[in-house]
Amino acid sequence: MTTQKQSELALKLDMMIGQLQQAVRAINTGNYIAAGVYMEMVQNQLPKVRWQVRG
């Protein structure tokens, strides 16, 4: 994996981690609809990221 590809993957993973953190904050404030939206965003990105990790 090239350095550029690693950087792109790291950026995507960081973004997904941020979305999961937002989901946790939403759950903690009782905003389950927003939490579901953040979780769905992460779920939709998982297949692409999995393939990037596998190469």
C-alpha atoms as a PDB file:
ATOM      1  CA  MET A   1       0.000   0.000   0.000  1.00  0.00           C
ATOM      2  CA  THR A   2       1.425   3.369  -1.007  1.00  0.00           C
ATOM      3  CA  THR A   3       1.896   6.208   1.431  1.00  0.00           C
ATOM      4  CA  GLN A   4      -0.881   8.172  -0.271  1.00  0.00           C
ATOM      5  CA  LYS A   5      -3.299   5.239   0.056  1.00  0.00           C
ATOM      6  CA  GLN A   6      -2.354   4.854   3.727  1.00  0.00           C
ATOM      7  CA  SER A   7      -3.021   8.550   4.301  1.00  0.00           C
ATOM      8  CA  GLU A   8      -6.405   8.339   2.571  1.00  0.00           C
ATOM      9  CA  LEU A   9      -7.347   5.291   4.625  1.00  0.00           C
ATOM     10  CA  ALA A  10      -6.226   6.949   7.865  1.00  0.00           C
ATOM     11  CA  LEU A  11      -8.326  10.007   7.026  1.00  0.00           C
ATOM     12  CA  LYS A  12     -11.416   7.870   6.346  1.00  0.00           C
ATOM     13  CA  LEU A  13     -10.928   5.915   9.563  1.00  0.00           C
ATOM     14  CA  ASP A  14     -10.480   9.124  11.559  1.00  0.00           C
ATOM     15  CA  MET A  15     -13.698  10.460  10.057  1.00  0.00           C
ATOM     16  CA  MET A  16     -15.536   7.260  10.965  1.00  0.00           C
ATOM     17  CA  ILE A  17     -14.201   7.415  14.527  1.00  0.00           C
ATOM     18  CA  GLY A  18     -15.469  10.996  14.753  1.00  0.00           C
ATOM     19  CA  GLN A  19     -18.894   9.886  13.568  1.00  0.00           C
ATOM     20  CA  LEU A  20     -18.967   7.118  16.173  1.00  0.00           C
ATOM     21  CA  GLN A  21     -18.027   9.657  18.851  1.00  0.00           C
ATOM     22  CA  GLN A  22     -20.897  11.846  17.664  1.00  0.00           C
ATOM     23  CA  ALA A  23     -23.216   8.837  17.933  1.00  0.00           C
ATOM     24  CA  VAL A  24     -22.114   8.250  21.533  1.00  0.00           C
ATOM     25  CA  ARG A  25     -22.696  11.919  22.386  1.00  0.00           C
ATOM     26  CA  ALA A  26     -26.141  11.738  20.800  1.00  0.00           C
ATOM     27  CA  ILE A  27     -27.003   8.618  22.809  1.00  0.00           C
ATOM     28  CA  ASN A  28     -25.802  10.273  26.012  1.00  0.00           C
ATOM     29  CA  THR A  29     -28.145  13.203  25.409  1.00  0.00           C
ATOM     30  CA  GLY A  30     -31.052  10.940  24.495  1.00  0.00           C
ATOM     31  CA  ASN A  31     -31.045  11.846  20.807  1.00  0.00           C
ATOM     32  CA  TYR A  32     -31.415   8.332  19.449  1.00  0.00           C
ATOM     33  CA  ILE A  33     -32.483   9.446  15.984  1.00  0.00           C
ATOM     34  CA  ALA A  34     -29.242  11.379  15.479  1.00  0.00           C
ATOM     35  CA  ALA A  35     -27.270   8.456  16.899  1.00  0.00           C
ATOM     36  CA  GLY A  36     -28.906   6.180  14.343  1.00  0.00           C
ATOM     37  CA  VAL A  37     -27.980   8.544  11.534  1.00  0.00           C
ATOM     38  CA  TYR A  38     -24.316   8.620  12.591  1.00  0.00           C
ATOM     39  CA  MET A  39     -24.254   4.835  12.958  1.00  0.00           C
ATOM     40  CA  GLU A  40     -25.785   4.392   9.509  1.00  0.00           C
ATOM     41  CA  MET A  41     -23.174   6.706   7.996  1.00  0.00           C
ATOM     42  CA  VAL A  42     -20.404   4.559   9.472  1.00  0.00           C
ATOM     43  CA  GLN A  43     -22.095   1.336   8.375  1.00  0.00           C
ATOM     44  CA  ASN A  44     -22.366   2.596   4.804  1.00  0.00           C
ATOM     45  CA  GLN A  45     -18.639   3.337   4.706  1.00  0.00           C
ATOM     46  CA  LEU A  46     -17.493   0.009   6.157  1.00  0.00           C
ATOM     47  CA  PRO A  47     -17.539  -2.098   2.958  1.00  0.00           C
ATOM     48  CA  LYS A  48     -15.370   0.406   1.059  1.00  0.00           C
ATOM     49  CA  VAL A  49     -12.889   0.719   3.903  1.00  0.00           C
ATOM     50  CA  ARG A  50     -12.688  -3.062   4.312  1.00  0.00           C
ATOM     51  CA  TRP A  51     -11.676  -3.435   0.679  1.00  0.00           C
ATOM     52  CA  GLN A  52      -9.084  -0.679   1.029  1.00  0.00           C
ATOM     53  CA  VAL A  53      -7.546  -2.436   4.024  1.00  0.00           C
ATOM     54  CA  ARG A  54      -7.434  -5.759   2.183  1.00  0.00           C
ATOM     55  CA  GLY A  55      -5.801  -4.103  -0.792  1.00  0.00           C
END
